Amino acid sequence: MNGDFSAISVRISGVYEEIAKTHCSSKSYSLGNVKLKTIELIHLIRRTICPQLSQDETTDGQESLMKAMRLLEKLILDIQPHLSEEEASSITSKFLDGLPTVAKKLVKDVRAAYEGDPAAQSVEEIMIAYPAYEAISIYRLAHILYSLKVPLIPRIMTEYAHQKTGIDIHPGARIGTHFFIDHGTGVVIGETCRIGDHVKIYQGVTLGAKSFELDENGNPIKGIKRHPDIGNHVVIYAGATVLGGSTVVGDNCVIGGNVWLVHSLKPGEKIYSNP
């Protein structure tokens, strides 16, 4: 037995050395730990903004917010060790300043859901049972950090929401007030998408890129406008796909289910079948 185990130990050592050569990331911090702490950050902040959803009745919102800000500052320093404590503190402070605006927008999002869905019996039902509320609330938090150019954390936040709800909103998207996603499963909203106020979309909608511009090496060019702009008071029904950075859907448009749209619509246009 001892001989067999020694042989296996030697094999384990060799295999581990081979695996170590293939590691994708050279970062010194634990990616798994960053992910877990980011999820904890989400729960702490949502406990402050939506205390009714908290499972911990022993911790008040102000205490949760204090813990969240300490955790965020530490996370920022973990993933950006070149920053000083003063710089990390400044980013954390700016994020904190943005939270009241997020809270006000979420009230409007809940109101839009309640008024836009005849099946909704109360705002409490929307907050606790509608996946869109969870996805949108996490997105709005992540968007602040994205705007502050914090790497990794905002993407972890929205991907956590994606895993829980089936709704994929990139933290870079810019979304106005009174936003409602009905049902929600399979919705995709790309990084450079801009959405106005009072927009309602249904399950399976994609607001994505039509194609990618490539550099001289054939790699996609990052940081360019790839996703559509959606105006105010627009309704997009289930399964519709709207693509392209130059595609602009004007105010008060209606896009029917399963429509494939790669061109702009003038304000007030209604399209119910593929052109």
C-alpha atoms as a PDB file:
ATOM      1  CA  MET A   1       0.000   0.000   0.000  1.00  0.00           C
ATOM      2  CA  ASN A   2       2.778   2.421   0.967  1.00  0.00           C
ATOM      3  CA  GLY A   3       4.587   1.686  -2.243  1.00  0.00           C
ATOM      4  CA  ASP A   4       1.490   2.267  -4.311  1.00  0.00           C
ATOM      5  CA  PHE A   5       0.788   5.542  -2.516  1.00  0.00           C
ATOM      6  CA  SER A   6       4.342   6.757  -3.091  1.00  0.00           C
ATOM      7  CA  ALA A   7       3.986   6.055  -6.793  1.00  0.00           C
ATOM      8  CA  ILE A   8       0.699   7.947  -6.906  1.00  0.00           C
ATOM      9  CA  SER A   9       2.296  10.855  -5.026  1.00  0.00           C
ATOM     10  CA  VAL A  10       5.000  11.108  -7.665  1.00  0.00           C
ATOM     11  CA  ARG A  11       2.381  11.064 -10.417  1.00  0.00           C
ATOM     12  CA  ILE A  12       0.318  13.705  -8.578  1.00  0.00           C
ATOM     13  CA  SER A  13       3.363  15.962  -8.356  1.00  0.00           C
ATOM     14  CA  GLY A  14       4.058  15.621 -12.062  1.00  0.00           C
ATOM     15  CA  VAL A  15       0.454  16.176 -13.083  1.00  0.00           C
ATOM     16  CA  TYR A  16       0.187  19.226 -10.824  1.00  0.00           C
ATOM     17  CA  GLU A  17       3.298  20.752 -12.393  1.00  0.00           C
ATOM     18  CA  GLU A  18       1.774  20.281 -15.838  1.00  0.00           C
ATOM     19  CA  ILE A  19      -1.540  21.807 -14.739  1.00  0.00           C
ATOM     20  CA  ALA A  20       0.262  24.761 -13.161  1.00  0.00           C
ATOM     21  CA  LYS A  21       1.780  25.634 -16.547  1.00  0.00           C
ATOM     22  CA  THR A  22      -1.717  26.065 -18.010  1.00  0.00           C
ATOM     23  CA  HIS A  23      -3.181  28.453 -15.444  1.00  0.00           C
ATOM     24  CA  CYS A  24      -5.028  31.225 -17.322  1.00  0.00           C
ATOM     25  CA  SER A  25      -4.531  33.950 -14.737  1.00  0.00           C
ATOM     26  CA  SER A  26      -1.362  35.142 -13.067  1.00  0.00           C
ATOM     27  CA  LYS A  27      -3.189  37.281 -10.495  1.00  0.00           C
ATOM     28  CA  SER A  28      -2.018  36.856  -6.938  1.00  0.00           C
ATOM     29  CA  TYR A  29      -5.479  37.168  -5.398  1.00  0.00           C
ATOM     30  CA  SER A  30      -8.064  34.380  -5.204  1.00  0.00           C
ATOM     31  CA  LEU A  31     -10.723  34.779  -7.897  1.00  0.00           C
ATOM     32  CA  GLY A  32     -13.063  32.541  -5.916  1.00  0.00           C
ATOM     33  CA  ASN A  33     -12.640  34.684  -2.828  1.00  0.00           C
ATOM     34  CA  VAL A  34     -13.332  37.863  -4.826  1.00  0.00           C
ATOM     35  CA  LYS A  35     -16.520  36.300  -6.172  1.00  0.00           C
ATOM     36  CA  LEU A  36     -17.763  35.253  -2.733  1.00  0.00           C
ATOM     37  CA  LYS A  37     -17.008  38.674  -1.253  1.00  0.00           C
ATOM     38  CA  THR A  38     -18.746  40.396  -4.152  1.00  0.00           C
ATOM     39  CA  ILE A  39     -21.890  38.323  -3.558  1.00  0.00           C
ATOM     40  CA  GLU A  40     -21.695  39.243   0.135  1.00  0.00           C
ATOM     41  CA  LEU A  41     -21.405  42.894  -0.910  1.00  0.00           C
ATOM     42  CA  ILE A  42     -24.609  42.595  -2.970  1.00  0.00           C
ATOM     43  CA  HIS A  43     -26.541  41.177  -0.032  1.00  0.00           C
ATOM     44  CA  LEU A  44     -25.273  43.824   2.385  1.00  0.00           C
ATOM     45  CA  ILE A  45     -26.258  46.700   0.112  1.00  0.00           C
ATOM     46  CA  ARG A  46     -29.632  45.243  -0.841  1.00  0.00           C
ATOM     47  CA  ARG A  47     -30.305  44.756   2.873  1.00  0.00           C
ATOM     48  CA  THR A  48     -29.894  48.520   3.180  1.00  0.00           C
ATOM     49  CA  ILE A  49     -31.927  49.496   0.112  1.00  0.00           C
ATOM     50  CA  CYS A  50     -34.595  46.798   0.555  1.00  0.00           C
ATOM     51  CA  PRO A  51     -34.603  45.920   4.280  1.00  0.00           C
ATOM     52  CA  GLN A  52     -37.869  44.006   3.868  1.00  0.00           C
ATOM     53  CA  LEU A  53     -35.976  41.382   1.846  1.00  0.00           C
ATOM     54  CA  SER A  54     -33.374  40.755   4.530  1.00  0.00           C
ATOM     55  CA  GLN A  55     -33.258  37.389   6.267  1.00  0.00           C
ATOM     56  CA  ASP A  56     -31.188  38.859   9.099  1.00  0.00           C
ATOM     57  CA  GLU A  57     -33.464  40.845  11.394  1.00  0.00           C
ATOM     58  CA  THR A  58     -30.667  41.404  13.914  1.00  0.00           C
ATOM     59  CA  THR A  59     -28.644  43.734  11.686  1.00  0.00           C
ATOM     60  CA  ASP A  60     -29.946  47.180  10.821  1.00  0.00           C
ATOM     61  CA  GLY A  61     -29.483  48.859   7.450  1.00  0.00           C
ATOM     62  CA  GLN A  62     -26.931  51.401   8.595  1.00  0.00           C
ATOM     63  CA  GLU A  63     -24.724  48.690  10.077  1.00  0.00           C
ATOM     64  CA  SER A  64     -25.040  46.660   6.865  1.00  0.00           C
ATOM     65  CA  LEU A  65     -24.066  49.688   4.801  1.00  0.00           C
ATOM     66  CA  MET A  66     -20.993  50.278   6.940  1.00  0.00           C
ATOM     67  CA  LYS A  67     -19.927  46.648   6.498  1.00  0.00           C
ATOM     68  CA  ALA A  68     -20.557  46.908   2.763  1.00  0.00           C
ATOM     69  CA  MET A  69     -18.376  49.968   2.319  1.00  0.00           C
ATOM     70  CA  ARG A  70     -15.513  48.416   4.263  1.00  0.00           C
ATOM     71  CA  LEU A  71     -15.830  45.267   2.186  1.00  0.00           C
ATOM     72  CA  LEU A  72     -15.945  47.213  -1.081  1.00  0.00           C
ATOM     73  CA  GLU A  73     -12.831  49.206  -0.233  1.00  0.00           C
ATOM     74  CA  LYS A  74     -10.974  45.994   0.601  1.00  0.00           C
ATOM     75  CA  LEU A  75     -12.163  44.354  -2.619  1.00  0.00           C
ATOM     76  CA  ILE A  76     -10.993  47.313  -4.680  1.00  0.00           C
ATOM     77  CA  LEU A  77      -7.552  47.124  -3.082  1.00  0.00           C
ATOM     78  CA  ASP A  78      -7.416  43.351  -3.554  1.00  0.00           C
ATOM     79  CA  ILE A  79      -8.005  43.511  -7.307  1.00  0.00           C
ATOM     80  CA  GLN A  80      -6.155  46.811  -7.844  1.00  0.00           C
ATOM     81  CA  PRO A  81      -3.141  46.627  -5.518  1.00  0.00           C
ATOM     82  CA  HIS A  82      -1.516  49.547  -7.364  1.00  0.00           C
ATOM     83  CA  LEU A  83      -4.128  51.900  -5.880  1.00  0.00           C
ATOM     84  CA  SER A  84      -3.491  53.731  -2.635  1.00  0.00           C
ATOM     85  CA  GLU A  85      -5.895  53.457   0.288  1.00  0.00           C
ATOM     86  CA  GLU A  86      -6.924  57.059  -0.395  1.00  0.00           C
ATOM     87  CA  GLU A  87      -7.820  56.223  -4.014  1.00  0.00           C
ATOM     88  CA  ALA A  88      -9.814  53.153  -2.982  1.00  0.00           C
ATOM     89  CA  SER A  89     -11.572  55.204  -0.317  1.00  0.00           C
ATOM     90  CA  SER A  90     -12.463  57.857  -2.906  1.00  0.00           C
ATOM     91  CA  ILE A  91     -14.035  55.253  -5.218  1.00  0.00           C
ATOM     92  CA  THR A  92     -15.960  53.770  -2.307  1.00  0.00           C
ATOM     93  CA  SER A  93     -17.209  57.217  -1.313  1.00  0.00           C
ATOM     94  CA  LYS A  94     -18.428  57.939  -4.853  1.00  0.00           C
ATOM     95  CA  PHE A  95     -20.227  54.605  -4.941  1.00  0.00           C
ATOM     96  CA  LEU A  96     -21.866  55.406  -1.616  1.00  0.00           C
ATOM     97  CA  ASP A  97     -23.031  58.777  -2.942  1.00  0.00           C
ATOM     98  CA  GLY A  98     -24.772  57.021  -5.825  1.00  0.00           C
ATOM     99  CA  LEU A  99     -26.877  54.702  -3.673  1.00  0.00           C
ATOM    100  CA  PRO A 100     -29.754  57.148  -2.954  1.00  0.00           C
ATOM    101  CA  THR A 101     -30.259  57.590  -6.699  1.00  0.00           C
ATOM    102  CA  VAL A 102     -30.350  53.805  -7.133  1.00  0.00           C
ATOM    103  CA  ALA A 103     -32.924  53.497  -4.362  1.00  0.00           C
ATOM    104  CA  LYS A 104     -35.148  56.120  -6.015  1.00  0.00           C
ATOM    105  CA  LYS A 105     -34.852  54.430  -9.423  1.00  0.00           C
ATOM    106  CA  LEU A 106     -35.793  51.063  -7.935  1.00  0.00           C
ATOM    107  CA  VAL A 107     -38.978  52.548  -6.481  1.00  0.00           C
ATOM    108  CA  LYS A 108     -39.879  53.691 -10.001  1.00  0.00           C
ATOM    109  CA  ASP A 109     -38.963  50.285 -11.451  1.00  0.00           C
ATOM    110  CA  VAL A 110     -41.282  48.562  -8.969  1.00  0.00           C
ATOM    111  CA  ARG A 111     -44.046  51.019  -9.797  1.00  0.00           C
ATOM    112  CA  ALA A 112     -43.589  50.338 -13.510  1.00  0.00           C
ATOM    113  CA  ALA A 113     -43.859  46.590 -12.893  1.00  0.00           C
ATOM    114  CA  TYR A 114     -46.975  46.970 -10.760  1.00  0.00           C
ATOM    115  CA  GLU A 115     -48.679  49.230 -13.265  1.00  0.00           C
ATOM    116  CA  GLY A 116     -47.499  47.217 -16.273  1.00  0.00           C
ATOM    117  CA  ASP A 117     -48.516  43.723 -15.151  1.00  0.00           C
ATOM    118  CA  PRO A 118     -52.182  43.012 -14.413  1.00  0.00           C
ATOM    119  CA  ALA A 119     -51.119  39.822 -12.605  1.00  0.00           C
ATOM    120  CA  ALA A 120     -49.195  41.788  -9.974  1.00  0.00           C
ATOM    121  CA  GLN A 121     -51.172  42.000  -6.746  1.00  0.00           C
ATOM    122  CA  SER A 122     -48.780  44.182  -4.754  1.00  0.00           C
ATOM    123  CA  VAL A 123     -45.393  45.858  -4.878  1.00  0.00           C
ATOM    124  CA  GLU A 124     -44.226  43.358  -2.258  1.00  0.00           C
ATOM    125  CA  GLU A 125     -44.980  40.521  -4.674  1.00  0.00           C
ATOM    126  CA  ILE A 126     -42.814  42.202  -7.297  1.00  0.00           C
ATOM    127  CA  MET A 127     -39.925  42.735  -4.899  1.00  0.00           C
ATOM    128  CA  ILE A 128     -39.835  39.181  -3.598  1.00  0.00           C
ATOM    129  CA  ALA A 129     -41.140  37.069  -6.487  1.00  0.00           C
ATOM    130  CA  TYR A 130     -40.239  38.823  -9.748  1.00  0.00           C
ATOM    131  CA  PRO A 131     -36.797  37.897 -11.131  1.00  0.00           C
ATOM    132  CA  ALA A 132     -36.610  41.195 -13.008  1.00  0.00           C
ATOM    133  CA  TYR A 133     -36.530  43.186  -9.774  1.00  0.00           C
ATOM    134  CA  GLU A 134     -33.550  41.193  -8.523  1.00  0.00           C
ATOM    135  CA  ALA A 135     -31.697  41.484 -11.817  1.00  0.00           C
ATOM    136  CA  ILE A 136     -32.382  45.194 -12.249  1.00  0.00           C
ATOM    137  CA  SER A 137     -31.515  46.090  -8.654  1.00  0.00           C
ATOM    138  CA  ILE A 138     -28.165  44.311  -8.894  1.00  0.00           C
ATOM    139  CA  TYR A 139     -27.500  45.834 -12.321  1.00  0.00           C
ATOM    140  CA  ARG A 140     -28.085  49.361 -10.985  1.00  0.00           C
ATOM    141  CA  LEU A 141     -25.522  48.798  -8.232  1.00  0.00           C
ATOM    142  CA  ALA A 142     -23.029  47.282 -10.665  1.00  0.00           C
ATOM    143  CA  HIS A 143     -23.479  50.144 -13.124  1.00  0.00           C
ATOM    144  CA  ILE A 144     -22.157  52.643 -10.580  1.00  0.00           C
ATOM    145  CA  LEU A 145     -18.951  50.642 -10.155  1.00  0.00           C
ATOM    146  CA  TYR A 146     -18.653  50.178 -13.925  1.00  0.00           C
ATOM    147  CA  SER A 147     -18.961  53.958 -14.370  1.00  0.00           C
ATOM    148  CA  LEU A 148     -16.201  54.400 -11.777  1.00  0.00           C
ATOM    149  CA  LYS A 149     -14.024  52.068 -13.906  1.00  0.00           C
ATOM    150  CA  VAL A 150     -13.779  49.410 -11.204  1.00  0.00           C
ATOM    151  CA  PRO A 151     -12.752  46.162 -12.931  1.00  0.00           C
ATOM    152  CA  LEU A 152     -14.189  42.685 -12.398  1.00  0.00           C
ATOM    153  CA  ILE A 153     -16.562  43.438  -9.484  1.00  0.00           C
ATOM    154  CA  PRO A 154     -19.469  44.874 -11.523  1.00  0.00           C
ATOM    155  CA  ARG A 155     -19.309  41.978 -13.973  1.00  0.00           C
ATOM    156  CA  ILE A 156     -19.359  39.453 -11.134  1.00  0.00           C
ATOM    157  CA  MET A 157     -22.420  41.226  -9.750  1.00  0.00           C
ATOM    158  CA  THR A 158     -24.465  41.076 -12.944  1.00  0.00           C
ATOM    159  CA  GLU A 159     -23.370  37.528 -13.741  1.00  0.00           C
ATOM    160  CA  TYR A 160     -24.521  36.507 -10.259  1.00  0.00           C
ATOM    161  CA  ALA A 161     -27.905  38.039 -11.114  1.00  0.00           C
ATOM    162  CA  HIS A 162     -27.798  36.248 -14.477  1.00  0.00           C
ATOM    163  CA  GLN A 163     -27.233  32.894 -12.796  1.00  0.00           C
ATOM    164  CA  LYS A 164     -30.105  33.480 -10.373  1.00  0.00           C
ATOM    165  CA  THR A 165     -32.673  34.961 -12.755  1.00  0.00           C
ATOM    166  CA  GLY A 166     -31.759  34.069 -16.335  1.00  0.00           C
ATOM    167  CA  ILE A 167     -31.575  37.810 -17.116  1.00  0.00           C
ATOM    168  CA  ASP A 168     -28.225  38.969 -18.507  1.00  0.00           C
ATOM    169  CA  ILE A 169     -27.681  42.738 -18.207  1.00  0.00           C
ATOM    170  CA  HIS A 170     -24.160  43.977 -18.788  1.00  0.00           C
ATOM    171  CA  PRO A 171     -23.173  46.549 -16.127  1.00  0.00           C
ATOM    172  CA  GLY A 172     -22.114  48.975 -18.849  1.00  0.00           C
ATOM    173  CA  ALA A 173     -25.620  49.318 -20.300  1.00  0.00           C
ATOM    174  CA  ARG A 174     -27.339  52.632 -19.568  1.00  0.00           C
ATOM    175  CA  ILE A 175     -30.952  52.152 -18.507  1.00  0.00           C
ATOM    176  CA  GLY A 176     -33.455  54.873 -17.649  1.00  0.00           C
ATOM    177  CA  THR A 177     -36.202  54.919 -15.055  1.00  0.00           C
ATOM    178  CA  HIS A 178     -39.435  52.892 -14.837  1.00  0.00           C
ATOM    179  CA  PHE A 179     -37.791  49.866 -16.471  1.00  0.00           C
ATOM    180  CA  PHE A 180     -39.769  46.626 -16.486  1.00  0.00           C
ATOM    181  CA  ILE A 181     -38.848  43.157 -17.727  1.00  0.00           C
ATOM    182  CA  ASP A 182     -41.900  40.878 -17.727  1.00  0.00           C
ATOM    183  CA  HIS A 183     -41.165  37.186 -17.032  1.00  0.00           C
ATOM    184  CA  GLY A 184     -37.535  37.834 -17.889  1.00  0.00           C
ATOM    185  CA  THR A 185     -35.961  34.480 -18.714  1.00  0.00           C
ATOM    186  CA  GLY A 186     -33.472  34.704 -21.562  1.00  0.00           C
ATOM    187  CA  VAL A 187     -33.230  38.500 -21.755  1.00  0.00           C
ATOM    188  CA  VAL A 188     -29.827  39.803 -22.907  1.00  0.00           C
ATOM    189  CA  ILE A 189     -28.831  43.482 -22.796  1.00  0.00           C
ATOM    190  CA  GLY A 190     -25.386  44.340 -24.144  1.00  0.00           C
ATOM    191  CA  GLU A 191     -22.673  46.584 -22.769  1.00  0.00           C
ATOM    192  CA  THR A 192     -23.169  49.637 -25.003  1.00  0.00           C
ATOM    193  CA  CYS A 193     -26.964  49.505 -25.090  1.00  0.00           C
ATOM    194  CA  ARG A 194     -28.819  52.687 -24.097  1.00  0.00           C
ATOM    195  CA  ILE A 195     -32.421  52.381 -22.915  1.00  0.00           C
ATOM    196  CA  GLY A 196     -34.730  55.301 -22.197  1.00  0.00           C
ATOM    197  CA  ASP A 197     -37.488  55.736 -19.615  1.00  0.00           C
ATOM    198  CA  HIS A 198     -40.695  53.712 -19.332  1.00  0.00           C
ATOM    199  CA  VAL A 199     -39.425  50.790 -21.425  1.00  0.00           C
ATOM    200  CA  LYS A 200     -41.041  47.356 -21.132  1.00  0.00           C
ATOM    201  CA  ILE A 201     -39.523  44.189 -22.553  1.00  0.00           C
ATOM    202  CA  TYR A 202     -40.569  40.559 -22.365  1.00  0.00           C
ATOM    203  CA  GLN A 203     -38.765  37.239 -22.048  1.00  0.00           C
ATOM    204  CA  GLY A 204     -36.244  36.164 -24.636  1.00  0.00           C
ATOM    205  CA  VAL A 205     -35.476  39.662 -25.903  1.00  0.00           C
ATOM    206  CA  THR A 206     -31.916  40.309 -27.093  1.00  0.00           C
ATOM    207  CA  LEU A 207     -30.470  43.793 -27.413  1.00  0.00           C
ATOM    208  CA  GLY A 208     -27.165  42.764 -28.895  1.00  0.00           C
ATOM    209  CA  ALA A 209     -24.381  43.319 -31.397  1.00  0.00           C
ATOM    210  CA  LYS A 210     -24.879  42.710 -35.106  1.00  0.00           C
ATOM    211  CA  SER A 211     -21.208  42.134 -35.862  1.00  0.00           C
ATOM    212  CA  PHE A 212     -17.801  42.945 -34.437  1.00  0.00           C
ATOM    213  CA  GLU A 213     -15.209  45.220 -35.978  1.00  0.00           C
ATOM    214  CA  LEU A 214     -11.859  43.444 -36.045  1.00  0.00           C
ATOM    215  CA  ASP A 215      -8.319  44.735 -35.635  1.00  0.00           C
ATOM    216  CA  GLU A 216      -5.420  43.898 -37.929  1.00  0.00           C
ATOM    217  CA  ASN A 217      -4.958  40.577 -36.098  1.00  0.00           C
ATOM    218  CA  GLY A 218      -8.579  39.554 -36.532  1.00  0.00           C
ATOM    219  CA  ASN A 219      -9.547  40.179 -32.901  1.00  0.00           C
ATOM    220  CA  PRO A 220     -12.719  42.064 -31.920  1.00  0.00           C
ATOM    221  CA  ILE A 221     -12.101  45.754 -31.160  1.00  0.00           C
ATOM    222  CA  LYS A 222     -13.211  46.598 -27.651  1.00  0.00           C
ATOM    223  CA  GLY A 223     -14.795  49.809 -26.405  1.00  0.00           C
ATOM    224  CA  ILE A 224     -16.859  50.698 -29.481  1.00  0.00           C
ATOM    225  CA  LYS A 225     -20.639  51.109 -29.802  1.00  0.00           C
ATOM    226  CA  ARG A 226     -22.040  47.672 -30.650  1.00  0.00           C
ATOM    227  CA  HIS A 227     -25.545  47.582 -29.210  1.00  0.00           C
ATOM    228  CA  PRO A 228     -28.772  49.445 -30.024  1.00  0.00           C
ATOM    229  CA  ASP A 229     -30.376  52.517 -28.479  1.00  0.00           C
ATOM    230  CA  ILE A 230     -33.964  52.186 -27.297  1.00  0.00           C
ATOM    231  CA  GLY A 231     -36.072  55.331 -26.825  1.00  0.00           C
ATOM    232  CA  ASN A 232     -38.702  56.198 -24.228  1.00  0.00           C
ATOM    233  CA  HIS A 233     -42.038  54.377 -23.844  1.00  0.00           C
ATOM    234  CA  VAL A 234     -40.961  51.453 -26.047  1.00  0.00           C
ATOM    235  CA  VAL A 235     -42.450  47.939 -25.787  1.00  0.00           C
ATOM    236  CA  ILE A 236     -40.493  44.930 -27.077  1.00  0.00           C
ATOM    237  CA  TYR A 237     -42.352  41.620 -27.083  1.00  0.00           C
ATOM    238  CA  ALA A 238     -41.064  38.117 -26.405  1.00  0.00           C
ATOM    239  CA  GLY A 239     -38.279  36.675 -28.501  1.00  0.00           C
ATOM    240  CA  ALA A 240     -37.495  39.872 -30.404  1.00  0.00           C
ATOM    241  CA  THR A 241     -33.884  40.520 -31.390  1.00  0.00           C
ATOM    242  CA  VAL A 242     -32.603  44.062 -31.923  1.00  0.00           C
ATOM    243  CA  LEU A 243     -28.993  44.311 -33.079  1.00  0.00           C
ATOM    244  CA  GLY A 244     -26.339  46.865 -33.967  1.00  0.00           C
ATOM    245  CA  GLY A 245     -24.638  49.908 -32.561  1.00  0.00           C
ATOM    246  CA  SER A 246     -26.192  52.160 -35.174  1.00  0.00           C
ATOM    247  CA  THR A 247     -29.722  50.836 -34.621  1.00  0.00           C
ATOM    248  CA  VAL A 248     -31.940  53.412 -32.921  1.00  0.00           C
ATOM    249  CA  VAL A 249     -35.495  52.595 -31.868  1.00  0.00           C
ATOM    250  CA  GLY A 250     -37.405  55.848 -31.465  1.00  0.00           C
ATOM    251  CA  ASP A 251     -39.802  56.854 -28.705  1.00  0.00           C
ATOM    252  CA  ASN A 252     -43.191  55.109 -28.472  1.00  0.00           C
ATOM    253  CA  CYS A 253     -42.254  52.241 -30.798  1.00  0.00           C
ATOM    254  CA  VAL A 254     -43.646  48.712 -30.516  1.00  0.00           C
ATOM    255  CA  ILE A 255     -41.620  45.678 -31.624  1.00  0.00           C
ATOM    256  CA  GLY A 256     -43.556  42.448 -31.964  1.00  0.00           C
ATOM    257  CA  GLY A 257     -42.573  38.981 -30.817  1.00  0.00           C
ATOM    258  CA  ASN A 258     -39.782  37.150 -32.649  1.00  0.00           C
ATOM    259  CA  VAL A 259     -38.984  40.174 -34.826  1.00  0.00           C
ATOM    260  CA  TRP A 260     -35.383  40.342 -36.111  1.00  0.00           C
ATOM    261  CA  LEU A 261     -34.489  44.030 -36.298  1.00  0.00           C
ATOM    262  CA  VAL A 262     -31.172  45.404 -37.596  1.00  0.00           C
ATOM    263  CA  HIS A 263     -32.302  48.858 -38.723  1.00  0.00           C
ATOM    264  CA  SER A 264     -33.609  51.951 -36.956  1.00  0.00           C
ATOM    265  CA  LEU A 265     -37.262  52.766 -36.304  1.00  0.00           C
ATOM    266  CA  LYS A 266     -38.740  56.242 -36.365  1.00  0.00           C
ATOM    267  CA  PRO A 267     -40.676  57.405 -33.288  1.00  0.00           C
ATOM    268  CA  GLY A 268     -44.082  55.788 -33.065  1.00  0.00           C
ATOM    269  CA  GLU A 269     -43.372  52.970 -35.550  1.00  0.00           C
ATOM    270  CA  LYS A 270     -44.842  49.526 -34.905  1.00  0.00           C
ATOM    271  CA  ILE A 271     -43.295  46.405 -36.397  1.00  0.00           C
ATOM    272  CA  TYR A 272     -44.967  43.036 -35.909  1.00  0.00           C
ATOM    273  CA  SER A 273     -43.188  40.851 -38.451  1.00  0.00           C
ATOM    274  CA  ASN A 274     -39.746  40.632 -39.970  1.00  0.00           C
ATOM    275  CA  PRO A 275     -39.350  43.115 -42.841  1.00  0.00           C
END
